[in-house]
Structures are given as structure tokens and as C-alpha cells.
Amino acid sequence: MFNQIRELRSYRVHLLPLEWDGSNADHLADEGLLPSVRVKAANAAHAEALAHLATGRRVVRVERVEHVERMERAAQEVAQ
């Protein structure tokens, strides 16, 4: 069997509190009001699975951190 070595990337995974039904989850994640964890994974699906296994909570959203941080820096440079 052929094994591939995959580069790990950093992801921020937004989680739902255990007692919450998930209404307005995307809005609250945008505002930074939901708990989140950062994980290293090969892809977003793997990051989602790792975060769920580690916390036992449902996942709202997975964001690749390097991409988000680069976009924020670019937006700041344009604004200046």
C-alpha cells in the first residue's frame, strides 16, 4: 500500500455549547461569541473530526487560519 505524507495546516474550529440547539450559530461565530479550538490537520474535514473527538461538541464552522490571517492583513493594508 502506498502511504502519502500530507502537510498539516492550522484550523480554527467553532463549536456549539452542549446545551444549545444551534440557532443563530453562524452569526455568533462571526462575532466570536462561540467557543473555538485550534487544531492541526491535513484538511478541513479532518480538523472537524478531530475537534469533535477532542471536545464532544458539535462543530459549527471550520476556518483555515493561515488563509484568514492573510486575508485580514491584506484588508488592513488596503485600508491604509
PDB file of N, CA and C in Angstrom:
ATOM      1  N   MET A   1       0.835  -1.185   0.000  1.00  0.00           N
ATOM      2  CA  MET A   1       0.000   0.000   0.000  1.00  0.00           C
ATOM      3  C   MET A   1       0.878   1.246   0.000  1.00  0.00           C
ATOM      4  N   PHE A   2       0.483   2.244  -0.749  1.00  0.00           N
ATOM      5  CA  PHE A   2       1.233   3.483  -0.881  1.00  0.00           C
ATOM      6  C   PHE A   2       0.740   4.491   0.152  1.00  0.00           C
ATOM      7  N   ASN A   3       1.638   4.966   0.993  1.00  0.00           N
ATOM      8  CA  ASN A   3       1.278   5.962   2.011  1.00  0.00           C
ATOM      9  C   ASN A   3       1.761   7.334   1.575  1.00  0.00           C
ATOM     10  N   GLN A   4       0.911   8.308   1.737  1.00  0.00           N
ATOM     11  CA  GLN A   4       1.274   9.678   1.398  1.00  0.00           C
ATOM     12  C   GLN A   4       1.508  10.471   2.671  1.00  0.00           C
ATOM     13  N   ILE A   5       2.502  11.329   2.625  1.00  0.00           N
ATOM     14  CA  ILE A   5       2.740  12.254   3.722  1.00  0.00           C
ATOM     15  C   ILE A   5       2.032  13.546   3.356  1.00  0.00           C
ATOM     16  N   ARG A   6       1.155  13.997   4.238  1.00  0.00           N
ATOM     17  CA  ARG A   6       0.380  15.207   3.952  1.00  0.00           C
ATOM     18  C   ARG A   6       0.789  16.311   4.917  1.00  0.00           C
ATOM     19  N   GLU A   7       0.909  17.494   4.383  1.00  0.00           N
ATOM     20  CA  GLU A   7       1.250  18.657   5.197  1.00  0.00           C
ATOM     21  C   GLU A   7       0.068  19.017   6.093  1.00  0.00           C
ATOM     22  N   LEU A   8       0.355  19.295   7.364  1.00  0.00           N
ATOM     23  CA  LEU A   8      -0.694  19.707   8.292  1.00  0.00           C
ATOM     24  C   LEU A   8      -0.856  21.214   8.230  1.00  0.00           C
ATOM     25  N   ARG A   9      -2.071  21.645   8.317  1.00  0.00           N
ATOM     26  CA  ARG A   9      -2.395  23.065   8.324  1.00  0.00           C
ATOM     27  C   ARG A   9      -3.134  23.386   9.623  1.00  0.00           C
ATOM     28  N   SER A  10      -3.156  24.653   9.971  1.00  0.00           N
ATOM     29  CA  SER A  10      -3.811  25.086  11.200  1.00  0.00           C
ATOM     30  C   SER A  10      -5.245  25.513  10.899  1.00  0.00           C
ATOM     31  N   TYR A  11      -6.183  25.034  11.716  1.00  0.00           N
ATOM     32  CA  TYR A  11      -7.602  25.347  11.547  1.00  0.00           C
ATOM     33  C   TYR A  11      -8.193  25.848  12.861  1.00  0.00           C
ATOM     34  N   ARG A  12      -9.117  26.789  12.753  1.00  0.00           N
ATOM     35  CA  ARG A  12      -9.914  27.237  13.896  1.00  0.00           C
ATOM     36  C   ARG A  12     -11.291  26.607  13.719  1.00  0.00           C
ATOM     37  N   VAL A  13     -11.725  25.876  14.752  1.00  0.00           N
ATOM     38  CA  VAL A  13     -12.999  25.162  14.688  1.00  0.00           C
ATOM     39  C   VAL A  13     -13.941  25.771  15.718  1.00  0.00           C
ATOM     40  N   HIS A  14     -15.062  26.321  15.264  1.00  0.00           N
ATOM     41  CA  HIS A  14     -16.071  26.917  16.141  1.00  0.00           C
ATOM     42  C   HIS A  14     -17.040  25.821  16.584  1.00  0.00           C
ATOM     43  N   LEU A  15     -17.332  25.802  17.880  1.00  0.00           N
ATOM     44  CA  LEU A  15     -18.122  24.730  18.482  1.00  0.00           C
ATOM     45  C   LEU A  15     -19.423  25.246  19.071  1.00  0.00           C
ATOM     46  N   LEU A  16     -20.410  24.356  19.151  1.00  0.00           N
ATOM     47  CA  LEU A  16     -21.665  24.683  19.832  1.00  0.00           C
ATOM     48  C   LEU A  16     -21.571  24.262  21.292  1.00  0.00           C
ATOM     49  N   PRO A  17     -22.055  25.081  22.216  1.00  0.00           N
ATOM     50  CA  PRO A  17     -22.162  24.630  23.602  1.00  0.00           C
ATOM     51  C   PRO A  17     -23.079  23.405  23.675  1.00  0.00           C
ATOM     52  N   LEU A  18     -22.837  22.529  24.631  1.00  0.00           N
ATOM     53  CA  LEU A  18     -23.566  21.260  24.720  1.00  0.00           C
ATOM     54  C   LEU A  18     -25.069  21.432  24.845  1.00  0.00           C
ATOM     55  N   GLU A  19     -25.519  22.430  25.589  1.00  0.00           N
ATOM     56  CA  GLU A  19     -26.944  22.580  25.880  1.00  0.00           C
ATOM     57  C   GLU A  19     -27.681  23.448  24.861  1.00  0.00           C
ATOM     58  N   TRP A  20     -27.040  23.827  23.774  1.00  0.00           N
ATOM     59  CA  TRP A  20     -27.619  24.794  22.845  1.00  0.00           C
ATOM     60  C   TRP A  20     -28.089  24.119  21.572  1.00  0.00           C
ATOM     61  N   ASP A  21     -29.202  24.598  20.997  1.00  0.00           N
ATOM     62  CA  ASP A  21     -29.790  23.978  19.803  1.00  0.00           C
ATOM     63  C   ASP A  21     -29.135  24.411  18.497  1.00  0.00           C
ATOM     64  N   GLY A  22     -28.382  25.479  18.491  1.00  0.00           N
ATOM     65  CA  GLY A  22     -27.658  25.899  17.296  1.00  0.00           C
ATOM     66  C   GLY A  22     -28.282  27.031  16.515  1.00  0.00           C
ATOM     67  N   SER A  23     -29.383  27.596  17.002  1.00  0.00           N
ATOM     68  CA  SER A  23     -29.986  28.723  16.294  1.00  0.00           C
ATOM     69  C   SER A  23     -29.036  29.917  16.334  1.00  0.00           C
ATOM     70  N   ASN A  24     -28.930  30.621  15.215  1.00  0.00           N
ATOM     71  CA  ASN A  24     -28.048  31.796  15.089  1.00  0.00           C
ATOM     72  C   ASN A  24     -26.561  31.457  15.198  1.00  0.00           C
ATOM     73  N   ALA A  25     -26.185  30.220  14.980  1.00  0.00           N
ATOM     74  CA  ALA A  25     -24.802  29.790  15.183  1.00  0.00           C
ATOM     75  C   ALA A  25     -23.829  30.531  14.273  1.00  0.00           C
ATOM     76  N   ASP A  26     -24.170  30.707  13.004  1.00  0.00           N
ATOM     77  CA  ASP A  26     -23.250  31.387  12.086  1.00  0.00           C
ATOM     78  C   ASP A  26     -23.013  32.835  12.498  1.00  0.00           C
ATOM     79  N   HIS A  27     -24.069  33.519  12.904  1.00  0.00           N
ATOM     80  CA  HIS A  27     -23.932  34.915  13.339  1.00  0.00           C
ATOM     81  C   HIS A  27     -23.043  34.996  14.579  1.00  0.00           C
ATOM     82  N   LEU A  28     -23.265  34.122  15.543  1.00  0.00           N
ATOM     83  CA  LEU A  28     -22.464  34.147  16.764  1.00  0.00           C
ATOM     84  C   LEU A  28     -21.008  33.778  16.487  1.00  0.00           C
ATOM     85  N   ALA A  29     -20.776  32.863  15.552  1.00  0.00           N
ATOM     86  CA  ALA A  29     -19.400  32.518  15.177  1.00  0.00           C
ATOM     87  C   ALA A  29     -18.718  33.721  14.527  1.00  0.00           C
ATOM     88  N   ASP A  30     -19.446  34.452  13.684  1.00  0.00           N
ATOM     89  CA  ASP A  30     -18.892  35.661  13.057  1.00  0.00           C
ATOM     90  C   ASP A  30     -18.474  36.685  14.104  1.00  0.00           C
ATOM     91  N   GLU A  31     -19.264  36.801  15.161  1.00  0.00           N
ATOM     92  CA  GLU A  31     -18.989  37.775  16.226  1.00  0.00           C
ATOM     93  C   GLU A  31     -17.942  37.277  17.222  1.00  0.00           C
ATOM     94  N   GLY A  32     -17.508  36.028  17.104  1.00  0.00           N
ATOM     95  CA  GLY A  32     -16.517  35.469  18.022  1.00  0.00           C
ATOM     96  C   GLY A  32     -17.085  35.099  19.375  1.00  0.00           C
ATOM     97  N   LEU A  33     -18.391  34.835  19.437  1.00  0.00           N
ATOM     98  CA  LEU A  33     -19.047  34.549  20.712  1.00  0.00           C
ATOM     99  C   LEU A  33     -19.182  33.058  21.013  1.00  0.00           C
ATOM    100  N   LEU A  34     -18.759  32.204  20.104  1.00  0.00           N
ATOM    101  CA  LEU A  34     -18.810  30.763  20.340  1.00  0.00           C
ATOM    102  C   LEU A  34     -17.433  30.259  20.753  1.00  0.00           C
ATOM    103  N   PRO A  35     -17.395  29.195  21.550  1.00  0.00           N
ATOM    104  CA  PRO A  35     -16.090  28.619  21.887  1.00  0.00           C
ATOM    105  C   PRO A  35     -15.436  28.055  20.625  1.00  0.00           C
ATOM    106  N   SER A  36     -14.115  28.085  20.596  1.00  0.00           N
ATOM    107  CA  SER A  36     -13.406  27.532  19.445  1.00  0.00           C
ATOM    108  C   SER A  36     -12.119  26.871  19.912  1.00  0.00           C
ATOM    109  N   VAL A  37     -11.616  25.980  19.088  1.00  0.00           N
ATOM    110  CA  VAL A  37     -10.325  25.333  19.324  1.00  0.00           C
ATOM    111  C   VAL A  37      -9.521  25.443  18.040  1.00  0.00           C
ATOM    112  N   ARG A  38      -8.200  25.369  18.186  1.00  0.00           N
ATOM    113  CA  ARG A  38      -7.334  25.336  17.006  1.00  0.00           C
ATOM    114  C   ARG A  38      -6.700  23.965  16.939  1.00  0.00           C
ATOM    115  N   VAL A  39      -6.720  23.384  15.762  1.00  0.00           N
ATOM    116  CA  VAL A  39      -6.144  22.057  15.558  1.00  0.00           C
ATOM    117  C   VAL A  39      -5.272  22.076  14.307  1.00  0.00           C
ATOM    118  N   LYS A  40      -4.340  21.151  14.252  1.00  0.00           N
ATOM    119  CA  LYS A  40      -3.536  20.919  13.053  1.00  0.00           C
ATOM    120  C   LYS A  40      -4.100  19.683  12.379  1.00  0.00           C
ATOM    121  N   ALA A  41      -4.388  19.800  11.090  1.00  0.00           N
ATOM    122  CA  ALA A  41      -4.972  18.687  10.352  1.00  0.00           C
ATOM    123  C   ALA A  41      -4.604  18.796   8.881  1.00  0.00           C
ATOM    124  N   ALA A  42      -4.796  17.693   8.161  1.00  0.00           N
ATOM    125  CA  ALA A  42      -4.481  17.655   6.735  1.00  0.00           C
ATOM    126  C   ALA A  42      -5.502  18.419   5.904  1.00  0.00           C
ATOM    127  N   ASN A  43      -6.764  18.466   6.374  1.00  0.00           N
ATOM    128  CA  ASN A  43      -7.816  19.177   5.642  1.00  0.00           C
ATOM    129  C   ASN A  43      -8.927  19.567   6.613  1.00  0.00           C
ATOM    130  N   ALA A  44      -9.905  20.309   6.130  1.00  0.00           N
ATOM    131  CA  ALA A  44     -10.974  20.823   6.991  1.00  0.00           C
ATOM    132  C   ALA A  44     -11.830  19.703   7.570  1.00  0.00           C
ATOM    133  N   ALA A  45     -12.106  18.671   6.785  1.00  0.00           N
ATOM    134  CA  ALA A  45     -12.915  17.555   7.287  1.00  0.00           C
ATOM    135  C   ALA A  45     -12.202  16.834   8.424  1.00  0.00           C
ATOM    136  N   HIS A  46     -10.899  16.667   8.292  1.00  0.00           N
ATOM    137  CA  HIS A  46     -10.115  16.038   9.353  1.00  0.00           C
ATOM    138  C   HIS A  46     -10.094  16.925  10.598  1.00  0.00           C
ATOM    139  N   ALA A  47      -9.974  18.237  10.417  1.00  0.00           N
ATOM    140  CA  ALA A  47      -9.996  19.174  11.543  1.00  0.00           C
ATOM    141  C   ALA A  47     -11.331  19.106  12.276  1.00  0.00           C
ATOM    142  N   GLU A  48     -12.418  19.030  11.523  1.00  0.00           N
ATOM    143  CA  GLU A  48     -13.751  18.923  12.131  1.00  0.00           C
ATOM    144  C   GLU A  48     -13.867  17.651  12.966  1.00  0.00           C
ATOM    145  N   ALA A  49     -13.403  16.543  12.418  1.00  0.00           N
ATOM    146  CA  ALA A  49     -13.472  15.270  13.141  1.00  0.00           C
ATOM    147  C   ALA A  49     -12.610  15.299  14.399  1.00  0.00           C
ATOM    148  N   LEU A  50     -11.407  15.850  14.305  1.00  0.00           N
ATOM    149  CA  LEU A  50     -10.523  15.928  15.472  1.00  0.00           C
ATOM    150  C   LEU A  50     -11.124  16.788  16.579  1.00  0.00           C
ATOM    151  N   ALA A  51     -11.687  17.934  16.211  1.00  0.00           N
ATOM    152  CA  ALA A  51     -12.281  18.827  17.209  1.00  0.00           C
ATOM    153  C   ALA A  51     -13.475  18.165  17.886  1.00  0.00           C
ATOM    154  N   HIS A  52     -14.292  17.475  17.113  1.00  0.00           N
ATOM    155  CA  HIS A  52     -15.449  16.784  17.694  1.00  0.00           C
ATOM    156  C   HIS A  52     -14.996  15.671  18.638  1.00  0.00           C
ATOM    157  N   LEU A  53     -13.998  14.904  18.243  1.00  0.00           N
ATOM    158  CA  LEU A  53     -13.492  13.832  19.103  1.00  0.00           C
ATOM    159  C   LEU A  53     -12.876  14.384  20.390  1.00  0.00           C
ATOM    160  N   ALA A  54     -12.164  15.496  20.279  1.00  0.00           N
ATOM    161  CA  ALA A  54     -11.488  16.069  21.444  1.00  0.00           C
ATOM    162  C   ALA A  54     -12.449  16.729  22.425  1.00  0.00           C
ATOM    163  N   THR A  55     -13.529  17.338  21.914  1.00  0.00           N
ATOM    164  CA  THR A  55     -14.414  18.120  22.785  1.00  0.00           C
ATOM    165  C   THR A  55     -15.769  17.478  23.032  1.00  0.00           C
ATOM    166  N   GLY A  56     -16.218  16.623  22.124  1.00  0.00           N
ATOM    167  CA  GLY A  56     -17.554  16.039  22.233  1.00  0.00           C
ATOM    168  C   GLY A  56     -18.657  16.995  21.813  1.00  0.00           C
ATOM    169  N   ARG A  57     -18.298  18.136  21.282  1.00  0.00           N
ATOM    170  CA  ARG A  57     -19.292  19.146  20.875  1.00  0.00           C
ATOM    171  C   ARG A  57     -19.512  19.116  19.370  1.00  0.00           C
ATOM    172  N   ARG A  58     -20.679  19.621  18.964  1.00  0.00           N
ATOM    173  CA  ARG A  58     -20.967  19.747  17.536  1.00  0.00           C
ATOM    174  C   ARG A  58     -20.182  20.922  16.962  1.00  0.00           C
ATOM    175  N   VAL A  59     -19.797  20.785  15.718  1.00  0.00           N
ATOM    176  CA  VAL A  59     -18.988  21.798  15.037  1.00  0.00           C
ATOM    177  C   VAL A  59     -19.884  22.688  14.188  1.00  0.00           C
ATOM    178  N   VAL A  60     -19.695  24.000  14.322  1.00  0.00           N
ATOM    179  CA  VAL A  60     -20.443  24.973  13.527  1.00  0.00           C
ATOM    180  C   VAL A  60     -19.691  25.288  12.242  1.00  0.00           C
ATOM    181  N   ARG A  61     -18.404  25.568  12.362  1.00  0.00           N
ATOM    182  CA  ARG A  61     -17.625  26.053  11.223  1.00  0.00           C
ATOM    183  C   ARG A  61     -16.154  25.707  11.413  1.00  0.00           C
ATOM    184  N   VAL A  62     -15.476  25.477  10.298  1.00  0.00           N
ATOM    185  CA  VAL A  62     -14.033  25.240  10.292  1.00  0.00           C
ATOM    186  C   VAL A  62     -13.401  26.282   9.375  1.00  0.00           C
ATOM    187  N   GLU A  63     -12.386  26.989   9.886  1.00  0.00           N
ATOM    188  CA  GLU A  63     -11.689  28.013   9.095  1.00  0.00           C
ATOM    189  C   GLU A  63     -10.203  27.698   9.065  1.00  0.00           C
ATOM    190  N   ARG A  64      -9.616  27.781   7.898  1.00  0.00           N
ATOM    191  CA  ARG A  64      -8.169  27.618   7.809  1.00  0.00           C
ATOM    192  C   ARG A  64      -7.518  28.907   8.289  1.00  0.00           C
ATOM    193  N   VAL A  65      -6.681  28.815   9.303  1.00  0.00           N
ATOM    194  CA  VAL A  65      -6.170  30.002   9.987  1.00  0.00           C
ATOM    195  C   VAL A  65      -5.220  30.802   9.115  1.00  0.00           C
ATOM    196  N   GLU A  66      -4.303  30.170   8.418  1.00  0.00           N
ATOM    197  CA  GLU A  66      -3.346  30.925   7.607  1.00  0.00           C
ATOM    198  C   GLU A  66      -4.071  31.776   6.576  1.00  0.00           C
ATOM    199  N   HIS A  67      -5.077  31.213   5.956  1.00  0.00           N
ATOM    200  CA  HIS A  67      -5.836  31.937   4.933  1.00  0.00           C
ATOM    201  C   HIS A  67      -6.554  33.142   5.543  1.00  0.00           C
ATOM    202  N   VAL A  68      -7.185  32.951   6.683  1.00  0.00           N
ATOM    203  CA  VAL A  68      -7.923  34.031   7.342  1.00  0.00           C
ATOM    204  C   VAL A  68      -6.972  35.141   7.765  1.00  0.00           C
ATOM    205  N   GLU A  69      -5.837  34.776   8.360  1.00  0.00           N
ATOM    206  CA  GLU A  69      -4.886  35.785   8.814  1.00  0.00           C
ATOM    207  C   GLU A  69      -4.292  36.560   7.637  1.00  0.00           C
ATOM    208  N   ARG A  70      -4.021  35.888   6.522  1.00  0.00           N
ATOM    209  CA  ARG A  70      -3.508  36.583   5.344  1.00  0.00           C
ATOM    210  C   ARG A  70      -4.536  37.549   4.781  1.00  0.00           C
ATOM    211  N   MET A  71      -5.798  37.132   4.761  1.00  0.00           N
ATOM    212  CA  MET A  71      -6.861  37.994   4.244  1.00  0.00           C
ATOM    213  C   MET A  71      -7.038  39.223   5.135  1.00  0.00           C
ATOM    214  N   GLU A  72      -6.957  39.043   6.465  1.00  0.00           N
ATOM    215  CA  GLU A  72      -7.089  40.176   7.383  1.00  0.00           C
ATOM    216  C   GLU A  72      -5.945  41.163   7.188  1.00  0.00           C
ATOM    217  N   ARG A  73      -4.716  40.649   7.029  1.00  0.00           N
ATOM    218  CA  ARG A  73      -3.571  41.525   6.793  1.00  0.00           C
ATOM    219  C   ARG A  73      -3.722  42.293   5.483  1.00  0.00           C
ATOM    220  N   ALA A  74      -4.174  41.617   4.443  1.00  0.00           N
ATOM    221  CA  ALA A  74      -4.361  42.275   3.145  1.00  0.00           C
ATOM    222  C   ALA A  74      -5.422  43.364   3.236  1.00  0.00           C
ATOM    223  N   ALA A  75      -6.503  43.108   3.962  1.00  0.00           N
ATOM    224  CA  ALA A  75      -7.561  44.108   4.125  1.00  0.00           C
ATOM    225  C   ALA A  75      -7.046  45.327   4.880  1.00  0.00           C
ATOM    226  N   GLN A  76      -6.200  45.107   5.885  1.00  0.00           N
ATOM    227  CA  GLN A  76      -5.629  46.225   6.634  1.00  0.00           C
ATOM    228  C   GLN A  76      -4.708  47.063   5.751  1.00  0.00           C
ATOM    229  N   GLU A  77      -3.921  46.394   4.892  1.00  0.00           N
ATOM    230  CA  GLU A  77      -3.018  47.120   4.004  1.00  0.00           C
ATOM    231  C   GLU A  77      -3.797  47.958   2.994  1.00  0.00           C
ATOM    232  N   VAL A  78      -4.891  47.427   2.493  1.00  0.00           N
ATOM    233  CA  VAL A  78      -5.719  48.161   1.537  1.00  0.00           C
ATOM    234  C   VAL A  78      -6.352  49.371   2.212  1.00  0.00           C
ATOM    235  N   ALA A  79      -6.766  49.221   3.468  1.00  0.00           N
ATOM    236  CA  ALA A  79      -7.417  50.305   4.201  1.00  0.00           C
ATOM    237  C   ALA A  79      -6.453  51.459   4.481  1.00  0.00           C
ATOM    238  N   GLN A  80      -5.169  51.165   4.545  1.00  0.00           N
ATOM    239  CA  GLN A  80      -4.186  52.215   4.837  1.00  0.00           C
ATOM    240  C   GLN A  80      -3.891  52.948   3.611  1.00  0.00           C
TER     241      GLN A  80
END
